[in-house]
Amino acid sequence: MWYKDIILGSSSSYMHVNVE
């Protein structure tokens, strides 16, 4: 889940969220 990646501090996942 993308929000979980954000909580973990994954910049890549955060950017992925911006794309979606």
Protein backbone atom coordinates (compact mmCIF):
# COMPACT_ATOMS: atom_id res chain seq x y z
CA MET A 1 0.00 0.00 0.00
CA TRP A 2 1.42 3.33 -1.12
CA TYR A 3 0.62 5.19 2.12
CA LYS A 4 2.56 2.57 4.07
CA ASP A 5 5.61 3.30 1.89
CA ILE A 6 5.28 6.99 2.69
CA ILE A 7 5.20 6.23 6.40
CA LEU A 8 8.36 4.19 5.95
CA GLY A 9 9.90 7.25 4.32
CA SER A 10 10.31 5.79 0.84
CA SER A 11 10.92 8.70 -1.52
CA SER A 12 10.34 6.48 -4.54
CA SER A 13 6.92 5.47 -3.29
CA TYR A 14 6.08 9.10 -2.49
CA MET A 15 6.87 10.11 -6.07
CA HIS A 16 4.80 7.15 -7.27
CA VAL A 17 1.85 8.53 -5.31
CA ASN A 18 2.28 11.91 -7.00
CA VAL A 19 2.10 10.16 -10.38
CA GLU A 20 -1.20 8.58 -9.43
